[in-house]
Protein backbone atom coordinates (compact mmCIF):
# COMPACT_ATOMS: atom_id res chain seq x y z
CA MET A 1 17.67 -10.78 -4.89
CA LYS A 2 20.40 -11.38 -2.37
CA ARG A 3 21.11 -8.55 0.02
CA ARG A 4 24.68 -8.12 -1.25
CA THR A 5 23.35 -7.50 -4.76
CA PHE A 6 20.74 -5.15 -3.36
CA LEU A 7 23.36 -3.10 -1.51
CA ALA A 8 25.55 -3.01 -4.59
CA GLY A 9 22.63 -1.46 -6.41
CA ILE A 10 22.32 1.13 -3.67
CA LEU A 11 26.00 2.02 -3.99
CA ALA A 12 25.48 2.56 -7.69
CA TYR A 13 22.52 4.74 -6.82
CA PHE A 14 24.70 6.92 -4.58
CA LEU A 15 27.35 7.25 -7.24
CA ALA A 16 24.72 8.31 -9.77
CA GLY A 17 23.88 11.27 -7.56
CA CYS A 18 20.52 10.48 -5.97
CA GLY A 19 18.99 9.06 -9.15
CA LEU A 20 19.52 6.76 -12.08
CA SER A 21 19.05 7.55 -15.73
CA SER A 22 15.46 7.47 -16.94
CA ASN A 23 16.30 4.67 -19.39
CA ASN A 24 17.22 2.26 -16.58
CA SER A 25 14.58 -0.40 -16.01
CA LEU A 26 13.87 -2.84 -13.21
CA LEU A 27 13.22 -6.53 -13.62
CA ASP A 28 10.21 -8.10 -11.95
CA ASN A 29 12.40 -9.78 -9.34
CA GLU A 30 14.53 -6.72 -8.63
CA ALA A 31 14.33 -5.14 -5.18
CA ILE A 32 12.30 -1.96 -4.74
CA PRO A 33 14.39 0.80 -3.10
CA VAL A 34 12.46 1.26 0.11
CA LEU A 35 13.62 2.79 3.38
CA GLY A 36 16.77 0.70 3.60
CA ALA A 37 17.80 2.35 0.32
CA PHE A 38 17.27 5.95 1.38
CA PRO A 39 19.98 7.96 -0.37
CA LEU A 40 22.05 8.83 2.70
CA SER A 41 23.22 6.95 5.76
CA PRO A 42 22.63 7.96 9.38
CA ALA A 43 24.84 10.80 10.62
CA SER A 44 26.68 8.34 12.83
CA GLU A 45 27.97 6.59 9.68
CA THR A 46 28.63 9.49 7.31
CA ASP A 47 28.93 13.26 7.27
CA ASP A 48 27.92 13.53 3.61
CA GLY A 49 24.38 14.61 4.41
CA LEU A 50 25.59 17.40 6.67
CA LYS A 51 28.35 18.66 4.41
CA SER A 52 26.37 18.63 1.17
CA SER A 53 26.71 21.81 -0.89
CA GLN A 54 23.07 21.41 -1.90
CA ASN A 55 20.53 23.12 0.31
CA SER A 56 17.33 21.85 -1.22
CA VAL A 57 15.25 18.70 -1.19
CA ARG A 58 11.95 17.72 -2.77
CA PHE A 59 9.70 14.87 -1.68
CA ALA A 60 6.10 13.67 -1.63
CA VAL A 61 3.99 12.35 1.23
CA ILE A 62 1.03 10.07 0.54
CA SER A 63 -0.88 7.82 2.92
CA ASP A 64 -3.93 5.65 3.49
CA ILE A 65 -3.57 3.58 0.34
CA HIS A 66 -5.61 0.62 1.68
CA ILE A 67 -4.45 -1.36 -1.30
CA LEU A 68 -7.03 -4.17 -1.39
CA GLN A 69 -10.00 -2.64 0.43
CA THR A 70 -11.67 -1.43 -2.78
CA ASP A 71 -11.45 -2.30 -6.46
CA THR A 72 -10.19 1.19 -7.25
CA ALA A 73 -7.43 1.40 -4.59
CA PRO A 74 -4.72 -0.34 -6.68
CA ILE A 75 -5.49 1.84 -9.70
CA LYS A 76 -5.39 5.01 -7.60
CA PHE A 77 -2.08 4.00 -6.04
CA GLN A 78 -0.43 3.35 -9.40
CA THR A 79 -1.88 6.58 -10.80
CA ALA A 80 -0.51 8.54 -7.82
CA LEU A 81 2.94 6.99 -8.17
CA GLU A 82 3.12 7.64 -11.89
CA ASP A 83 1.94 11.22 -11.41
CA LEU A 84 4.60 11.83 -8.77
CA LEU A 85 7.41 10.14 -10.65
CA MET A 86 6.67 11.58 -14.08
CA ASN A 87 5.03 14.99 -13.58
CA GLN A 88 7.23 16.62 -10.95
CA GLN A 89 9.95 19.08 -11.92
CA PRO A 90 12.47 19.08 -10.52
CA PRO A 91 12.19 15.32 -9.88
CA LEU A 92 11.40 14.09 -6.39
CA ASP A 93 14.20 12.86 -4.15
CA PHE A 94 11.92 10.34 -2.45
CA VAL A 95 8.28 9.44 -1.76
CA VAL A 96 6.94 8.63 1.72
CA LEU A 97 4.09 6.11 2.08
CA ASN A 98 2.94 7.32 5.50
CA GLY A 99 1.02 4.34 6.80
CA ASP A 100 -2.13 2.31 6.11
CA LEU A 101 -0.62 0.71 3.04
CA GLY A 102 -3.06 -2.17 3.39
CA ASP A 103 -4.23 -4.51 6.14
CA GLY A 104 -0.78 -5.99 6.66
CA THR A 105 -1.54 -9.28 4.92
CA PRO A 106 0.91 -11.06 2.62
CA LYS A 107 -1.48 -10.36 -0.27
CA ASP A 108 -1.37 -6.63 0.53
CA TYR A 109 2.41 -6.52 0.41
CA GLN A 110 2.47 -8.64 -2.74
CA LYS A 111 0.08 -6.23 -4.47
CA LEU A 112 2.05 -3.20 -3.27
CA ASN A 113 5.24 -4.67 -4.70
CA GLU A 114 3.53 -5.48 -7.99
CA ILE A 115 2.38 -1.87 -8.37
CA LEU A 116 5.76 -0.48 -7.33
CA HIS A 117 7.45 -2.58 -10.01
CA SER A 118 4.81 -1.64 -12.55
CA ALA A 119 5.31 2.07 -11.81
CA ARG A 120 9.08 1.60 -12.12
CA ARG A 121 8.67 0.02 -15.54
CA SER A 122 6.18 2.57 -16.84
CA THR A 123 8.17 5.61 -15.66
CA GLY A 124 11.75 4.37 -15.76
CA LYS A 125 12.28 6.05 -12.37
CA THR A 126 14.04 4.56 -9.36
CA THR A 127 13.02 7.19 -6.81
CA PRO A 128 13.27 5.69 -3.29
CA ILE A 129 10.00 4.74 -1.61
CA VAL A 130 9.87 5.22 2.17
CA PRO A 131 7.09 3.33 4.04
CA THR A 132 5.94 3.89 7.61
CA ILE A 133 3.66 1.65 9.63
CA GLY A 134 0.02 2.60 10.25
CA ASN A 135 -2.74 1.11 12.36
CA HIS A 136 -4.09 -0.90 9.42
CA GLU A 137 -0.78 -2.72 9.09
CA PHE A 138 -1.94 -4.54 12.25
CA TYR A 139 -5.31 -5.52 10.71
CA LYS A 140 -4.09 -8.96 9.61
CA ALA A 141 -5.51 -9.89 13.03
CA PHE A 142 -9.01 -9.36 11.61
CA HIS A 143 -8.43 -11.69 8.65
CA ASP A 144 -9.06 -15.42 8.74
CA PRO A 145 -5.65 -17.16 8.58
CA ASP A 146 -6.89 -19.73 6.02
CA SER A 147 -9.22 -17.80 3.71
CA ASN A 148 -7.87 -14.27 4.31
CA ALA A 149 -11.51 -13.16 4.57
CA TRP A 150 -12.49 -10.57 7.17
CA ASN A 151 -13.37 -12.39 10.39
CA ALA A 152 -13.50 -10.12 13.44
CA ASN A 153 -15.28 -12.82 15.44
CA THR A 154 -12.08 -14.86 15.71
CA PHE A 155 -9.74 -11.89 16.36
CA PRO A 156 -6.72 -12.03 16.55
CA ASN A 157 -6.76 -14.99 14.16
CA GLN A 158 -3.47 -16.49 15.40
CA GLU A 159 -1.63 -13.19 14.87
CA THR A 160 0.63 -11.26 17.25
CA ASP A 161 2.07 -7.76 17.16
CA SER A 162 5.55 -9.13 16.62
CA GLN A 163 4.43 -11.15 13.57
CA VAL A 164 2.67 -8.15 12.05
CA ILE A 165 5.63 -5.83 12.65
CA GLN A 166 8.08 -8.33 11.18
CA ARG A 167 5.96 -8.60 8.03
CA PHE A 168 6.14 -4.82 7.65
CA LEU A 169 9.89 -4.75 8.38
CA ASP A 170 10.51 -7.37 5.72
CA PHE A 171 8.68 -5.18 3.21
CA ALA A 172 10.51 -2.02 4.36
CA ASP A 173 13.90 -3.79 4.50
CA ARG A 174 14.86 -2.54 7.94
CA ASP A 175 14.99 -3.77 11.52
CA LYS A 176 12.85 -1.21 13.40
CA VAL A 177 9.67 0.73 12.74
CA TYR A 178 11.54 3.94 13.57
CA MET A 179 14.77 5.39 12.15
CA ASP A 180 16.27 8.60 10.76
CA ARG A 181 18.16 9.72 7.67
CA TYR A 182 19.86 12.85 6.33
CA MET A 183 19.74 14.33 2.84
CA ASN A 184 21.42 17.56 1.73
CA GLY A 185 21.79 18.61 5.35
CA TYR A 186 18.13 18.05 6.24
CA HIS A 187 17.11 15.62 8.97
CA PHE A 188 14.26 13.14 8.38
CA ILE A 189 12.83 11.12 11.27
CA PHE A 190 10.40 8.23 10.76
CA LEU A 191 8.29 6.97 13.67
CA GLY A 192 5.88 4.05 14.04
CA SER A 193 3.59 2.17 16.38
CA GLU A 194 5.02 -0.86 18.17
CA LYS A 195 1.82 -2.31 19.66
CA SER A 196 -1.84 -2.66 18.77
CA ARG A 197 -5.11 -3.81 20.30
CA MET A 198 -3.68 -7.33 20.10
CA SER A 199 -1.45 -6.42 23.04
CA ASP A 200 -3.92 -4.10 24.78
CA PRO A 201 -7.54 -3.53 23.65
CA LYS A 202 -7.35 0.04 24.97
CA ILE A 203 -4.82 0.96 22.26
CA GLY A 204 -7.42 0.59 19.54
CA ASP A 205 -6.18 2.37 16.39
CA ALA A 206 -3.82 4.70 18.25
CA ALA A 207 -0.04 4.62 17.84
CA TYR A 208 1.92 3.12 20.71
CA LEU A 209 5.48 4.46 21.01
CA SER A 210 7.73 2.57 23.40
CA GLU A 211 9.87 4.30 25.98
CA ALA A 212 12.88 3.23 23.91
CA GLN A 213 11.49 4.96 20.81
CA LEU A 214 10.65 8.15 22.71
CA THR A 215 14.10 8.24 24.32
CA TRP A 216 15.69 7.73 20.91
CA LEU A 217 13.53 10.49 19.40
CA LYS A 218 14.39 12.92 22.20
CA SER A 219 18.07 12.44 21.41
CA LYS A 220 17.71 12.41 17.62
CA ILE A 221 15.49 15.45 17.24
CA SER A 222 18.13 17.73 18.76
CA GLU A 223 20.98 16.23 16.73
CA ASN A 224 22.91 18.54 14.39
CA LEU A 225 20.39 21.37 14.71
CA THR A 226 20.95 24.32 12.37
CA PRO A 227 19.19 27.65 13.08
CA GLY A 228 16.31 28.15 10.65
CA LYS A 229 16.57 24.67 9.17
CA PRO A 230 13.48 22.44 9.63
CA VAL A 231 13.46 18.92 11.03
CA PHE A 232 10.98 16.62 9.27
CA VAL A 233 9.10 13.96 11.26
CA TYR A 234 6.69 11.32 9.92
CA LEU A 235 4.07 9.34 11.84
CA HIS A 236 0.84 7.85 10.54
CA GLN A 237 -1.34 9.04 13.44
CA PRO A 238 -1.71 12.79 14.18
CA VAL A 239 -0.57 14.22 17.50
CA PHE A 240 -1.78 17.48 19.03
CA SER A 241 -0.22 19.40 21.91
CA SER A 242 -2.19 20.49 24.97
CA GLN A 243 -2.43 23.96 23.41
CA SER A 244 -4.29 22.70 20.35
CA GLU A 245 -8.08 22.95 20.06
CA ALA A 246 -7.97 19.82 17.90
CA GLN A 247 -6.84 17.76 20.90
CA ARG A 248 -10.43 17.74 22.08
CA LYS A 249 -11.42 15.85 18.93
CA TYR A 250 -8.55 13.41 18.54
CA ASN A 251 -6.31 11.36 20.77
CA LEU A 252 -4.53 9.06 18.38
CA VAL A 253 -1.18 8.49 20.08
CA VAL A 254 -1.12 6.69 23.41
CA GLN A 255 1.90 8.73 24.48
CA GLN A 256 0.43 11.94 23.01
CA SER A 257 1.61 14.34 25.72
CA GLU A 258 5.13 12.88 25.78
CA LEU A 259 5.46 12.99 22.01
CA ALA A 260 4.08 16.53 21.75
CA GLU A 261 6.57 17.68 24.39
CA ILE A 262 9.48 16.22 22.42
CA LEU A 263 8.29 17.77 19.15
CA HIS A 264 7.99 21.10 20.92
CA SER A 265 11.48 20.84 22.44
CA VAL A 266 13.29 22.08 19.33
CA PRO A 267 12.31 24.79 16.80
CA ASN A 268 11.18 24.26 13.21
CA VAL A 269 9.68 20.77 13.52
CA VAL A 270 7.42 19.85 10.59
CA LEU A 271 5.29 16.75 11.20
CA PHE A 272 3.56 14.81 8.42
CA VAL A 273 0.66 12.51 9.33
CA GLY A 274 -2.23 10.62 7.75
CA HIS A 275 -4.99 8.47 9.26
CA LEU A 276 -7.87 10.97 9.20
CA HIS A 277 -8.42 10.90 5.40
CA ILE A 278 -9.53 14.53 5.63
CA ARG A 279 -9.69 16.52 2.41
CA LEU A 280 -6.72 18.79 1.85
CA GLY A 281 -7.57 22.37 2.75
CA SER A 282 -10.06 21.26 5.43
CA PRO A 283 -9.70 22.26 9.09
CA ASP A 284 -7.06 20.14 10.82
CA SER A 285 -5.39 19.24 7.51
CA PHE A 286 -2.88 21.96 8.45
CA VAL A 287 -2.23 22.81 12.10
CA LYS A 288 0.23 25.49 13.16
CA ASP A 289 0.70 24.75 16.82
CA THR A 290 3.85 24.48 18.90
CA PHE A 291 5.04 22.53 15.84
CA THR A 292 3.67 22.48 12.30
CA MET A 293 1.58 19.49 11.20
CA PHE A 294 0.32 18.51 7.74
CA ASN A 295 -2.19 15.74 7.04
CA SER A 296 -1.74 14.02 3.68
CA ALA A 297 -5.43 13.10 3.14
CA SER A 298 -5.66 9.71 1.35
CA VAL A 299 -4.76 8.09 -1.94
CA SER A 300 -7.78 5.77 -1.84
CA ARG A 301 -10.60 7.51 0.08
CA VAL A 302 -10.86 11.19 0.98
CA TRP A 303 -13.46 12.42 3.48
CA PRO A 304 -16.05 13.75 2.85
CA ALA A 305 -16.35 10.62 0.74
CA SER A 306 -15.59 10.93 -2.95
CA SER A 307 -14.69 8.09 -5.27
CA GLU A 308 -13.25 10.59 -7.75
CA THR A 309 -10.62 11.96 -5.38
CA SER A 310 -7.07 10.89 -4.60
CA GLN A 311 -4.83 13.35 -2.76
CA GLY A 312 -1.38 13.81 -1.29
CA LEU A 313 1.36 16.36 -0.67
CA VAL A 314 4.47 17.52 -2.53
CA VAL A 315 7.08 19.34 -0.43
CA ASP A 316 9.79 21.59 -1.83
CA VAL A 317 12.50 22.79 0.57
CA LYS A 318 14.99 25.48 -0.48
CA GLU A 319 17.33 27.38 1.83
CA GLY A 320 15.22 26.33 4.81
CA VAL A 321 11.93 27.57 3.30
CA VAL A 322 9.30 24.82 3.18
CA SER A 323 6.65 24.99 0.44
CA VAL A 324 3.84 22.43 0.65
CA GLN A 325 1.33 21.85 -2.15
CA GLY A 326 -1.69 19.59 -2.23
CA ARG A 327 -1.97 17.38 -5.31
CA ASP A 328 -4.99 15.74 -6.96
CA PHE A 329 -3.55 12.62 -8.57
CA LEU A 330 -6.56 11.71 -10.70
CA GLN A 331 -6.77 15.19 -12.21
CA HIS A 332 -2.97 15.65 -12.24
CA ALA A 333 -3.56 19.08 -10.77
CA TRP A 334 -2.47 21.23 -7.84
CA LEU A 335 -5.00 22.16 -5.16
CA PRO A 336 -5.00 25.95 -4.60
CA GLU A 337 -6.81 25.50 -1.28
CA ALA A 338 -3.84 23.51 0.02
CA GLU A 339 -0.78 25.67 -0.64
CA TYR A 340 1.44 26.63 2.27
CA GLN A 341 4.84 28.18 2.86
CA ILE A 342 6.78 28.02 6.10
CA ASN A 343 9.72 30.30 6.66
CA GLU A 344 10.63 30.12 10.32
């Protein structure tokens, strides 16, 4: 689909009021509304998100899909999408895929698109899907360029960070791994790693945030602040401040101290992360530190290991009060051990 047609579809989406009728269907070759189709433009382009009379928003955060790593991963992903699109009332405004979608190979993105289209057809929903980049999006470097088989012995297999990032950006339909959006007066900030072990072996699976991204975040996070209203931030890898006991266990952002300082610089920051696959309700799945952090477990594999588990988060925000509920997608059930309410 040409970009002009795609944008025309987005305009129609706006005019329909953040959602199309349930009897609208998508063709196989129709574009999936990903981050480029988020319902509102940046504040620099429109004031609609700040002036909205609505003061609520509802979204889901899922992560660690690992689409082709196991035979069950595609089934679990489609099940999670259908559960979120069909079983949530009121309907979700958007769904965040918070990193580790696959290994960043063309086959991964092809399979992701197939399932997104399949879920659109089966549910009739056009809820925007918002991807972020995880460490596994850089794992194309471990795959043989000819056979696509795992081959760590020939790392990086003719890959570079710029090639991997561009592949993700093409899927996400945007030009950077980081950006922000507004909806109903709430600010949403999406971050992402810009380098991997291909550039520096010491990076490993940690997120690398450039000075440009950190400078941008420092400016953005204090933009249009409203007392008592949360700012939502998304990054695949968790970050802990120097005051957190969990910092002794994890150091998953190269610029951890710089990022934690920025997140701490304004009140009411709520950070959503993935990466650790930890079961919802476990220690470190919810951390109330100098900012609030939620881990979204995993769609494909939850630790401790269980093939019968697929988890994520549903977030309901009303009048500045943030309610977070854990969801078991295979059982189509809420998790009472993972229910939280923040009213700062």
